[in-house]
Amino acid sequence: NEQRVMDTETELVSQYSAIIQDLISRNWIRTPDARNGMVAIIRLRMVPTGEIISSEIVESSGSATFDRSALQAVAKVGSFPELQDVPSAVFDRNFRNFELEFKPEDLLR
């Protein structure tokens, strides 16, 4: 059943996206200019081992300091070994090039 396969993939993707988001936010150091409502979109390129081979800001938050701090958080993580558990077809479709929204309000619970 194709629909069930797609549902499973969607579930996997959201589960692993949450892991990625969480690990990056835990490595983020709040910048003095970080404000709620700021969003930086980061594109990660990863290999199936979960290693991040590059990261770049595709949409700036409007603050170079904030954007840089987001990229530093990504660099600190370095890799997501959890992604090794993702089936390779799912990885290729969803995580090889992965865009992440980075928002300060997500990080200040």
PDB file of N, CA and C in Angstrom:
ATOM      1  N   ASN A   1       0.841  -1.190   0.000  1.00  0.00           N
ATOM      2  CA  ASN A   1       0.000   0.000   0.000  1.00  0.00           C
ATOM      3  C   ASN A   1       0.881   1.247   0.000  1.00  0.00           C
ATOM      4  N   GLU A   2       0.815   1.978  -1.112  1.00  0.00           N
ATOM      5  CA  GLU A   2       1.693   3.133  -1.311  1.00  0.00           C
ATOM      6  C   GLU A   2       1.458   4.244  -0.282  1.00  0.00           C
ATOM      7  N   GLN A   3       0.193   4.465   0.071  1.00  0.00           N
ATOM      8  CA  GLN A   3      -0.134   5.511   1.039  1.00  0.00           C
ATOM      9  C   GLN A   3       0.508   5.223   2.396  1.00  0.00           C
ATOM     10  N   ARG A   4       0.472   3.958   2.794  1.00  0.00           N
ATOM     11  CA  ARG A   4       1.053   3.588   4.089  1.00  0.00           C
ATOM     12  C   ARG A   4       2.566   3.801   4.082  1.00  0.00           C
ATOM     13  N   VAL A   5       3.194   3.488   2.967  1.00  0.00           N
ATOM     14  CA  VAL A   5       4.639   3.703   2.832  1.00  0.00           C
ATOM     15  C   VAL A   5       4.949   5.194   2.964  1.00  0.00           C
ATOM     16  N   MET A   6       4.124   6.031   2.307  1.00  0.00           N
ATOM     17  CA  MET A   6       4.339   7.477   2.387  1.00  0.00           C
ATOM     18  C   MET A   6       4.124   8.001   3.801  1.00  0.00           C
ATOM     19  N   ASP A   7       3.109   7.492   4.492  1.00  0.00           N
ATOM     20  CA  ASP A   7       2.848   7.904   5.869  1.00  0.00           C
ATOM     21  C   ASP A   7       4.033   7.554   6.766  1.00  0.00           C
ATOM     22  N   THR A   8       4.560   6.353   6.574  1.00  0.00           N
ATOM     23  CA  THR A   8       5.705   5.905   7.366  1.00  0.00           C
ATOM     24  C   THR A   8       6.897   6.815   7.100  1.00  0.00           C
ATOM     25  N   GLU A   9       7.119   7.160   5.835  1.00  0.00           N
ATOM     26  CA  GLU A   9       8.237   8.036   5.482  1.00  0.00           C
ATOM     27  C   GLU A   9       8.049   9.409   6.122  1.00  0.00           C
ATOM     28  N   THR A  10       6.837   9.958   6.040  1.00  0.00           N
ATOM     29  CA  THR A  10       6.549  11.260   6.636  1.00  0.00           C
ATOM     30  C   THR A  10       6.831  11.231   8.132  1.00  0.00           C
ATOM     31  N   GLU A  11       6.430  10.148   8.771  1.00  0.00           N
ATOM     32  CA  GLU A  11       6.648   9.991  10.206  1.00  0.00           C
ATOM     33  C   GLU A  11       8.142   9.925  10.534  1.00  0.00           C
ATOM     34  N   LEU A  12       8.868   9.130   9.753  1.00  0.00           N
ATOM     35  CA  LEU A  12      10.321   9.011   9.935  1.00  0.00           C
ATOM     36  C   LEU A  12      10.990  10.366   9.784  1.00  0.00           C
ATOM     37  N   VAL A  13      10.602  11.077   8.727  1.00  0.00           N
ATOM     38  CA  VAL A  13      11.212  12.369   8.433  1.00  0.00           C
ATOM     39  C   VAL A  13      10.957  13.349   9.578  1.00  0.00           C
ATOM     40  N   SER A  14       9.719  13.388  10.097  1.00  0.00           N
ATOM     41  CA  SER A  14       9.462  14.341  11.164  1.00  0.00           C
ATOM     42  C   SER A  14      10.180  13.933  12.448  1.00  0.00           C
ATOM     43  N   GLN A  15      10.291  12.648  12.686  1.00  0.00           N
ATOM     44  CA  GLN A  15      11.008  12.150  13.867  1.00  0.00           C
ATOM     45  C   GLN A  15      12.489  12.555  13.813  1.00  0.00           C
ATOM     46  N   TYR A  16      13.132  12.309  12.675  1.00  0.00           N
ATOM     47  CA  TYR A  16      14.556  12.622  12.549  1.00  0.00           C
ATOM     48  C   TYR A  16      14.798  14.121  12.416  1.00  0.00           C
ATOM     49  N   SER A  17      13.862  14.844  11.815  1.00  0.00           N
ATOM     50  CA  SER A  17      13.981  16.307  11.732  1.00  0.00           C
ATOM     51  C   SER A  17      13.975  16.896  13.135  1.00  0.00           C
ATOM     52  N   ALA A  18      13.139  16.339  14.013  1.00  0.00           N
ATOM     53  CA  ALA A  18      13.050  16.810  15.400  1.00  0.00           C
ATOM     54  C   ALA A  18      14.374  16.560  16.129  1.00  0.00           C
ATOM     55  N   ILE A  19      15.000  15.416  15.869  1.00  0.00           N
ATOM     56  CA  ILE A  19      16.300  15.104  16.482  1.00  0.00           C
ATOM     57  C   ILE A  19      17.340  16.130  16.031  1.00  0.00           C
ATOM     58  N   ILE A  20      17.362  16.398  14.732  1.00  0.00           N
ATOM     59  CA  ILE A  20      18.321  17.363  14.170  1.00  0.00           C
ATOM     60  C   ILE A  20      18.120  18.737  14.802  1.00  0.00           C
ATOM     61  N   GLN A  21      16.863  19.191  14.797  1.00  0.00           N
ATOM     62  CA  GLN A  21      16.511  20.500  15.361  1.00  0.00           C
ATOM     63  C   GLN A  21      16.948  20.569  16.834  1.00  0.00           C
ATOM     64  N   ASP A  22      16.667  19.524  17.584  1.00  0.00           N
ATOM     65  CA  ASP A  22      16.962  19.494  19.013  1.00  0.00           C
ATOM     66  C   ASP A  22      18.468  19.564  19.267  1.00  0.00           C
ATOM     67  N   LEU A  23      19.227  18.755  18.553  1.00  0.00           N
ATOM     68  CA  LEU A  23      20.679  18.747  18.764  1.00  0.00           C
ATOM     69  C   LEU A  23      21.301  20.087  18.404  1.00  0.00           C
ATOM     70  N   ILE A  24      20.831  20.690  17.325  1.00  0.00           N
ATOM     71  CA  ILE A  24      21.376  21.990  16.931  1.00  0.00           C
ATOM     72  C   ILE A  24      20.997  23.046  17.970  1.00  0.00           C
ATOM     73  N   SER A  25      19.735  23.045  18.422  1.00  0.00           N
ATOM     74  CA  SER A  25      19.348  24.062  19.395  1.00  0.00           C
ATOM     75  C   SER A  25      20.101  23.913  20.713  1.00  0.00           C
ATOM     76  N   ARG A  26      20.408  22.669  21.101  1.00  0.00           N
ATOM     77  CA  ARG A  26      21.154  22.477  22.351  1.00  0.00           C
ATOM     78  C   ARG A  26      22.583  22.983  22.251  1.00  0.00           C
ATOM     79  N   ASN A  27      23.082  23.121  21.033  1.00  0.00           N
ATOM     80  CA  ASN A  27      24.447  23.602  20.830  1.00  0.00           C
ATOM     81  C   ASN A  27      24.502  25.086  20.479  1.00  0.00           C
ATOM     82  N   TRP A  28      23.339  25.726  20.507  1.00  0.00           N
ATOM     83  CA  TRP A  28      23.274  27.138  20.130  1.00  0.00           C
ATOM     84  C   TRP A  28      23.568  28.029  21.322  1.00  0.00           C
ATOM     85  N   ILE A  29      24.370  29.049  21.100  1.00  0.00           N
ATOM     86  CA  ILE A  29      24.626  30.048  22.135  1.00  0.00           C
ATOM     87  C   ILE A  29      23.858  31.296  21.739  1.00  0.00           C
ATOM     88  N   ARG A  30      22.946  31.694  22.604  1.00  0.00           N
ATOM     89  CA  ARG A  30      22.083  32.850  22.334  1.00  0.00           C
ATOM     90  C   ARG A  30      22.913  34.098  22.076  1.00  0.00           C
ATOM     91  N   THR A  31      22.591  34.790  21.001  1.00  0.00           N
ATOM     92  CA  THR A  31      23.290  36.045  20.706  1.00  0.00           C
ATOM     93  C   THR A  31      22.489  37.192  21.321  1.00  0.00           C
ATOM     94  N   PRO A  32      23.166  38.272  21.703  1.00  0.00           N
ATOM     95  CA  PRO A  32      22.467  39.392  22.348  1.00  0.00           C
ATOM     96  C   PRO A  32      21.359  39.978  21.473  1.00  0.00           C
ATOM     97  N   ASP A  33      21.519  39.877  20.157  1.00  0.00           N
ATOM     98  CA  ASP A  33      20.507  40.483  19.283  1.00  0.00           C
ATOM     99  C   ASP A  33      19.390  39.519  18.882  1.00  0.00           C
ATOM    100  N   ALA A  34      19.409  38.295  19.415  1.00  0.00           N
ATOM    101  CA  ALA A  34      18.377  37.314  19.052  1.00  0.00           C
ATOM    102  C   ALA A  34      17.011  37.797  19.550  1.00  0.00           C
ATOM    103  N   ARG A  35      16.047  37.836  18.661  1.00  0.00           N
ATOM    104  CA  ARG A  35      14.703  38.284  19.008  1.00  0.00           C
ATOM    105  C   ARG A  35      13.687  37.259  18.525  1.00  0.00           C
ATOM    106  N   ASN A  36      12.593  37.131  19.257  1.00  0.00           N
ATOM    107  CA  ASN A  36      11.508  36.277  18.769  1.00  0.00           C
ATOM    108  C   ASN A  36      11.065  36.816  17.422  1.00  0.00           C
ATOM    109  N   GLY A  37      10.710  35.914  16.532  1.00  0.00           N
ATOM    110  CA  GLY A  37      10.285  36.345  15.204  1.00  0.00           C
ATOM    111  C   GLY A  37      11.414  36.256  14.193  1.00  0.00           C
ATOM    112  N   MET A  38      12.664  36.185  14.676  1.00  0.00           N
ATOM    113  CA  MET A  38      13.791  36.016  13.743  1.00  0.00           C
ATOM    114  C   MET A  38      13.784  34.587  13.224  1.00  0.00           C
ATOM    115  N   VAL A  39      14.076  34.429  11.948  1.00  0.00           N
ATOM    116  CA  VAL A  39      14.184  33.090  11.377  1.00  0.00           C
ATOM    117  C   VAL A  39      15.357  33.084  10.409  1.00  0.00           C
ATOM    118  N   ALA A  40      16.222  32.113  10.565  1.00  0.00           N
ATOM    119  CA  ALA A  40      17.275  31.887   9.580  1.00  0.00           C
ATOM    120  C   ALA A  40      17.005  30.506   9.008  1.00  0.00           C
ATOM    121  N   ILE A  41      17.095  30.377   7.695  1.00  0.00           N
ATOM    122  CA  ILE A  41      16.933  29.048   7.098  1.00  0.00           C
ATOM    123  C   ILE A  41      18.318  28.560   6.671  1.00  0.00           C
ATOM    124  N   ILE A  42      18.650  27.388   7.184  1.00  0.00           N
ATOM    125  CA  ILE A  42      19.964  26.801   6.936  1.00  0.00           C
ATOM    126  C   ILE A  42      19.789  25.571   6.058  1.00  0.00           C
ATOM    127  N   ARG A  43      20.625  25.465   5.044  1.00  0.00           N
ATOM    128  CA  ARG A  43      20.627  24.237   4.239  1.00  0.00           C
ATOM    129  C   ARG A  43      21.828  23.391   4.647  1.00  0.00           C
ATOM    130  N   LEU A  44      21.529  22.177   5.075  1.00  0.00           N
ATOM    131  CA  LEU A  44      22.581  21.229   5.420  1.00  0.00           C
ATOM    132  C   LEU A  44      22.722  20.234   4.286  1.00  0.00           C
ATOM    133  N   ARG A  45      23.956  19.905   3.940  1.00  0.00           N
ATOM    134  CA  ARG A  45      24.185  18.788   3.033  1.00  0.00           C
ATOM    135  C   ARG A  45      24.825  17.693   3.857  1.00  0.00           C
ATOM    136  N   MET A  46      24.216  16.513   3.808  1.00  0.00           N
ATOM    137  CA  MET A  46      24.701  15.414   4.632  1.00  0.00           C
ATOM    138  C   MET A  46      24.933  14.165   3.801  1.00  0.00           C
ATOM    139  N   VAL A  47      25.759  13.300   4.345  1.00  0.00           N
ATOM    140  CA  VAL A  47      25.990  11.986   3.734  1.00  0.00           C
ATOM    141  C   VAL A  47      25.302  10.943   4.619  1.00  0.00           C
ATOM    142  N   PRO A  48      25.071   9.729   4.090  1.00  0.00           N
ATOM    143  CA  PRO A  48      24.297   8.720   4.827  1.00  0.00           C
ATOM    144  C   PRO A  48      24.833   8.349   6.217  1.00  0.00           C
ATOM    145  N   THR A  49      26.091   8.666   6.505  1.00  0.00           N
ATOM    146  CA  THR A  49      26.614   8.400   7.852  1.00  0.00           C
ATOM    147  C   THR A  49      26.057   9.423   8.838  1.00  0.00           C
ATOM    148  N   GLY A  50      25.381  10.463   8.319  1.00  0.00           N
ATOM    149  CA  GLY A  50      24.844  11.503   9.177  1.00  0.00           C
ATOM    150  C   GLY A  50      25.785  12.692   9.290  1.00  0.00           C
ATOM    151  N   GLU A  51      26.945  12.585   8.645  1.00  0.00           N
ATOM    152  CA  GLU A  51      27.919  13.674   8.721  1.00  0.00           C
ATOM    153  C   GLU A  51      27.461  14.869   7.885  1.00  0.00           C
ATOM    154  N   ILE A  52      27.613  16.060   8.462  1.00  0.00           N
ATOM    155  CA  ILE A  52      27.259  17.294   7.742  1.00  0.00           C
ATOM    156  C   ILE A  52      28.476  17.672   6.901  1.00  0.00           C
ATOM    157  N   ILE A  53      28.300  17.729   5.572  1.00  0.00           N
ATOM    158  CA  ILE A  53      29.446  18.091   4.734  1.00  0.00           C
ATOM    159  C   ILE A  53      29.456  19.574   4.391  1.00  0.00           C
ATOM    160  N   SER A  54      28.296  20.229   4.498  1.00  0.00           N
ATOM    161  CA  SER A  54      28.300  21.677   4.354  1.00  0.00           C
ATOM    162  C   SER A  54      27.015  22.249   4.942  1.00  0.00           C
ATOM    163  N   SER A  55      27.103  23.512   5.321  1.00  0.00           N
ATOM    164  CA  SER A  55      25.906  24.194   5.798  1.00  0.00           C
ATOM    165  C   SER A  55      26.001  25.634   5.338  1.00  0.00           C
ATOM    166  N   GLU A  56      24.868  26.180   4.951  1.00  0.00           N
ATOM    167  CA  GLU A  56      24.856  27.578   4.509  1.00  0.00           C
ATOM    168  C   GLU A  56      23.512  28.196   4.857  1.00  0.00           C
ATOM    169  N   ILE A  57      23.533  29.503   5.007  1.00  0.00           N
ATOM    170  CA  ILE A  57      22.298  30.239   5.252  1.00  0.00           C
ATOM    171  C   ILE A  57      21.646  30.466   3.889  1.00  0.00           C
ATOM    172  N   VAL A  58      20.421  29.987   3.697  1.00  0.00           N
ATOM    173  CA  VAL A  58      19.724  30.248   2.434  1.00  0.00           C
ATOM    174  C   VAL A  58      18.761  31.403   2.588  1.00  0.00           C
ATOM    175  N   GLU A  59      18.350  31.677   3.824  1.00  0.00           N
ATOM    176  CA  GLU A  59      17.531  32.861   4.070  1.00  0.00           C
ATOM    177  C   GLU A  59      17.986  33.469   5.382  1.00  0.00           C
ATOM    178  N   SER A  60      18.490  34.694   5.310  1.00  0.00           N
ATOM    179  CA  SER A  60      19.054  35.341   6.493  1.00  0.00           C
ATOM    180  C   SER A  60      17.966  35.812   7.442  1.00  0.00           C
ATOM    181  N   SER A  61      18.321  35.839   8.717  1.00  0.00           N
ATOM    182  CA  SER A  61      17.408  36.350   9.744  1.00  0.00           C
ATOM    183  C   SER A  61      17.415  37.883   9.719  1.00  0.00           C
ATOM    184  N   GLY A  62      18.366  38.462   8.993  1.00  0.00           N
ATOM    185  CA  GLY A  62      18.527  39.914   9.007  1.00  0.00           C
ATOM    186  C   GLY A  62      19.659  40.315   9.945  1.00  0.00           C
ATOM    187  N   SER A  63      20.182  39.363  10.698  1.00  0.00           N
ATOM    188  CA  SER A  63      21.296  39.636  11.602  1.00  0.00           C
ATOM    189  C   SER A  63      22.448  38.695  11.290  1.00  0.00           C
ATOM    190  N   ALA A  64      23.575  39.280  10.891  1.00  0.00           N
ATOM    191  CA  ALA A  64      24.753  38.464  10.563  1.00  0.00           C
ATOM    192  C   ALA A  64      25.226  37.683  11.795  1.00  0.00           C
ATOM    193  N   THR A  65      25.138  38.298  12.963  1.00  0.00           N
ATOM    194  CA  THR A  65      25.565  37.646  14.203  1.00  0.00           C
ATOM    195  C   THR A  65      24.710  36.419  14.487  1.00  0.00           C
ATOM    196  N   PHE A  66      23.394  36.605  14.352  1.00  0.00           N
ATOM    197  CA  PHE A  66      22.466  35.499  14.597  1.00  0.00           C
ATOM    198  C   PHE A  66      22.702  34.373  13.591  1.00  0.00           C
ATOM    199  N   ASP A  67      22.817  34.736  12.302  1.00  0.00           N
ATOM    200  CA  ASP A  67      23.060  33.724  11.264  1.00  0.00           C
ATOM    201  C   ASP A  67      24.338  32.939  11.569  1.00  0.00           C
ATOM    202  N   ARG A  68      25.389  33.666  11.946  1.00  0.00           N
ATOM    203  CA  ARG A  68      26.666  33.023  12.241  1.00  0.00           C
ATOM    204  C   ARG A  68      26.530  32.083  13.440  1.00  0.00           C
ATOM    205  N   SER A  69      25.779  32.509  14.461  1.00  0.00           N
ATOM    206  CA  SER A  69      25.607  31.668  15.658  1.00  0.00           C
ATOM    207  C   SER A  69      24.854  30.379  15.301  1.00  0.00           C
ATOM    208  N   ALA A  70      23.906  30.477  14.365  1.00  0.00           N
ATOM    209  CA  ALA A  70      23.159  29.289  13.929  1.00  0.00           C
ATOM    210  C   ALA A  70      24.107  28.317  13.220  1.00  0.00           C
ATOM    211  N   LEU A  71      24.952  28.851  12.336  1.00  0.00           N
ATOM    212  CA  LEU A  71      25.917  27.999  11.630  1.00  0.00           C
ATOM    213  C   LEU A  71      26.930  27.388  12.599  1.00  0.00           C
ATOM    214  N   GLN A  72      27.313  28.146  13.634  1.00  0.00           N
ATOM    215  CA  GLN A  72      28.252  27.610  14.630  1.00  0.00           C
ATOM    216  C   GLN A  72      27.616  26.457  15.393  1.00  0.00           C
ATOM    217  N   ALA A  73      26.327  26.570  15.693  1.00  0.00           N
ATOM    218  CA  ALA A  73      25.624  25.487  16.389  1.00  0.00           C
ATOM    219  C   ALA A  73      25.632  24.219  15.530  1.00  0.00           C
ATOM    220  N   VAL A  74      25.425  24.391  14.225  1.00  0.00           N
ATOM    221  CA  VAL A  74      25.456  23.260  13.291  1.00  0.00           C
ATOM    222  C   VAL A  74      26.860  22.637  13.296  1.00  0.00           C
ATOM    223  N   ALA A  75      27.875  23.493  13.220  1.00  0.00           N
ATOM    224  CA  ALA A  75      29.262  23.006  13.178  1.00  0.00           C
ATOM    225  C   ALA A  75      29.614  22.231  14.443  1.00  0.00           C
ATOM    226  N   LYS A  76      29.099  22.684  15.596  1.00  0.00           N
ATOM    227  CA  LYS A  76      29.380  22.006  16.865  1.00  0.00           C
ATOM    228  C   LYS A  76      28.808  20.593  16.863  1.00  0.00           C
ATOM    229  N   VAL A  77      27.643  20.427  16.253  1.00  0.00           N
ATOM    230  CA  VAL A  77      27.036  19.092  16.203  1.00  0.00           C
ATOM    231  C   VAL A  77      27.873  18.196  15.289  1.00  0.00           C
ATOM    232  N   GLY A  78      28.166  18.688  14.081  1.00  0.00           N
ATOM    233  CA  GLY A  78      29.060  17.956  13.179  1.00  0.00           C
ATOM    234  C   GLY A  78      28.439  16.792  12.441  1.00  0.00           C
ATOM    235  N   SER A  79      27.688  15.961  13.157  1.00  0.00           N
ATOM    236  CA  SER A  79      27.030  14.843  12.483  1.00  0.00           C
ATOM    237  C   SER A  79      25.880  14.322  13.330  1.00  0.00           C
ATOM    238  N   PHE A  80      25.010  13.603  12.657  1.00  0.00           N
ATOM    239  CA  PHE A  80      23.844  12.990  13.293  1.00  0.00           C
ATOM    240  C   PHE A  80      23.910  11.491  13.044  1.00  0.00           C
ATOM    241  N   PRO A  81      24.642  10.753  13.886  1.00  0.00           N
ATOM    242  CA  PRO A  81      24.789   9.307  13.662  1.00  0.00           C
ATOM    243  C   PRO A  81      23.432   8.598  13.602  1.00  0.00           C
ATOM    244  N   GLU A  82      22.405   9.192  14.228  1.00  0.00           N
ATOM    245  CA  GLU A  82      21.052   8.609  14.201  1.00  0.00           C
ATOM    246  C   GLU A  82      20.565   8.387  12.770  1.00  0.00           C
ATOM    247  N   LEU A  83      21.014   9.246  11.841  1.00  0.00           N
ATOM    248  CA  LEU A  83      20.540   9.149  10.449  1.00  0.00           C
ATOM    249  C   LEU A  83      20.983   7.850   9.770  1.00  0.00           C
ATOM    250  N   GLN A  84      21.957   7.163  10.342  1.00  0.00           N
ATOM    251  CA  GLN A  84      22.394   5.889   9.759  1.00  0.00           C
ATOM    252  C   GLN A  84      21.264   4.867   9.783  1.00  0.00           C
ATOM    253  N   ASP A  85      20.280   5.077  10.666  1.00  0.00           N
ATOM    254  CA  ASP A  85      19.149   4.149  10.765  1.00  0.00           C
ATOM    255  C   ASP A  85      18.070   4.414   9.716  1.00  0.00           C
ATOM    256  N   VAL A  86      18.193   5.530   9.006  1.00  0.00           N
ATOM    257  CA  VAL A  86      17.171   5.888   8.010  1.00  0.00           C
ATOM    258  C   VAL A  86      17.434   5.095   6.727  1.00  0.00           C
ATOM    259  N   PRO A  87      16.407   4.456   6.167  1.00  0.00           N
ATOM    260  CA  PRO A  87      16.597   3.743   4.893  1.00  0.00           C
ATOM    261  C   PRO A  87      17.193   4.680   3.832  1.00  0.00           C
ATOM    262  N   SER A  88      18.098   4.164   3.009  1.00  0.00           N
ATOM    263  CA  SER A  88      18.848   5.047   2.114  1.00  0.00           C
ATOM    264  C   SER A  88      17.965   5.839   1.142  1.00  0.00           C
ATOM    265  N   ALA A  89      16.886   5.251   0.637  1.00  0.00           N
ATOM    266  CA  ALA A  89      16.015   5.997  -0.283  1.00  0.00           C
ATOM    267  C   ALA A  89      15.363   7.182   0.435  1.00  0.00           C
ATOM    268  N   VAL A  90      14.963   6.956   1.679  1.00  0.00           N
ATOM    269  CA  VAL A  90      14.348   8.016   2.486  1.00  0.00           C
ATOM    270  C   VAL A  90      15.386   9.094   2.777  1.00  0.00           C
ATOM    271  N   PHE A  91      16.607   8.675   3.094  1.00  0.00           N
ATOM    272  CA  PHE A  91      17.693   9.626   3.346  1.00  0.00           C
ATOM    273  C   PHE A  91      17.923  10.505   2.118  1.00  0.00           C
ATOM    274  N   ASP A  92      18.052   9.853   0.952  1.00  0.00           N
ATOM    275  CA  ASP A  92      18.327  10.596  -0.283  1.00  0.00           C
ATOM    276  C   ASP A  92      17.248  11.629  -0.575  1.00  0.00           C
ATOM    277  N   ARG A  93      15.996  11.254  -0.372  1.00  0.00           N
ATOM    278  CA  ARG A  93      14.891  12.164  -0.681  1.00  0.00           C
ATOM    279  C   ARG A  93      14.765  13.305   0.326  1.00  0.00           C
ATOM    280  N   ASN A  94      15.111  13.053   1.584  1.00  0.00           N
ATOM    281  CA  ASN A  94      14.772  14.011   2.630  1.00  0.00           C
ATOM    282  C   ASN A  94      15.932  14.648   3.378  1.00  0.00           C
ATOM    283  N   PHE A  95      17.062  13.950   3.457  1.00  0.00           N
ATOM    284  CA  PHE A  95      18.121  14.461   4.328  1.00  0.00           C
ATOM    285  C   PHE A  95      19.428  14.804   3.625  1.00  0.00           C
ATOM    286  N   ARG A  96      19.604  14.345   2.390  1.00  0.00           N
ATOM    287  CA  ARG A  96      20.856  14.659   1.703  1.00  0.00           C
ATOM    288  C   ARG A  96      21.008  16.185   1.615  1.00  0.00           C
ATOM    289  N   ASN A  97      19.935  16.855   1.230  1.00  0.00           N
ATOM    290  CA  ASN A  97      19.873  18.320   1.285  1.00  0.00           C
ATOM    291  C   ASN A  97      18.703  18.636   2.190  1.00  0.00           C
ATOM    292  N   PHE A  98      18.999  19.187   3.352  1.00  0.00           N
ATOM    293  CA  PHE A  98      17.980  19.363   4.368  1.00  0.00           C
ATOM    294  C   PHE A  98      17.914  20.824   4.771  1.00  0.00           C
ATOM    295  N   GLU A  99      16.719  21.412   4.682  1.00  0.00           N
ATOM    296  CA  GLU A  99      16.574  22.801   5.099  1.00  0.00           C
ATOM    297  C   GLU A  99      15.943  22.860   6.472  1.00  0.00           C
ATOM    298  N   LEU A 100      16.528  23.684   7.306  1.00  0.00           N
ATOM    299  CA  LEU A 100      16.142  23.777   8.700  1.00  0.00           C
ATOM    300  C   LEU A 100      15.795  25.226   9.022  1.00  0.00           C
ATOM    301  N   GLU A 101      14.633  25.438   9.637  1.00  0.00           N
ATOM    302  CA  GLU A 101      14.283  26.783  10.101  1.00  0.00           C
ATOM    303  C   GLU A 101      14.836  26.954  11.492  1.00  0.00           C
ATOM    304  N   PHE A 102      15.583  28.004  11.669  1.00  0.00           N
ATOM    305  CA  PHE A 102      16.230  28.244  12.952  1.00  0.00           C
ATOM    306  C   PHE A 102      15.606  29.489  13.571  1.00  0.00           C
ATOM    307  N   LYS A 103      14.881  29.318  14.695  1.00  0.00           N
ATOM    308  CA  LYS A 103      14.152  30.426  15.325  1.00  0.00           C
ATOM    309  C   LYS A 103      14.483  30.500  16.797  1.00  0.00           C
ATOM    310  N   PRO A 104      14.777  31.680  17.325  1.00  0.00           N
ATOM    311  CA  PRO A 104      15.116  31.774  18.746  1.00  0.00           C
ATOM    312  C   PRO A 104      13.972  31.343  19.670  1.00  0.00           C
ATOM    313  N   GLU A 105      12.725  31.603  19.285  1.00  0.00           N
ATOM    314  CA  GLU A 105      11.644  31.266  20.228  1.00  0.00           C
ATOM    315  C   GLU A 105      11.519  29.764  20.444  1.00  0.00           C
ATOM    316  N   ASP A 106      12.002  28.956  19.479  1.00  0.00           N
ATOM    317  CA  ASP A 106      11.990  27.503  19.667  1.00  0.00           C
ATOM    318  C   ASP A 106      12.948  27.113  20.783  1.00  0.00           C
ATOM    319  N   LEU A 107      13.906  27.986  21.045  1.00  0.00           N
ATOM    320  CA  LEU A 107      15.027  27.607  21.901  1.00  0.00           C
ATOM    321  C   LEU A 107      14.891  28.130  23.315  1.00  0.00           C
ATOM    322  N   LEU A 108      13.859  28.895  23.580  1.00  0.00           N
ATOM    323  CA  LEU A 108      13.775  29.569  24.882  1.00  0.00           C
ATOM    324  C   LEU A 108      12.575  29.095  25.668  1.00  0.00           C
ATOM    325  N   ARG A 109      12.509  27.812  25.908  1.00  0.00           N
ATOM    326  CA  ARG A 109      11.352  27.291  26.632  1.00  0.00           C
ATOM    327  C   ARG A 109      11.573  27.444  28.117  1.00  0.00           C
TER     328      ARG A 109
END
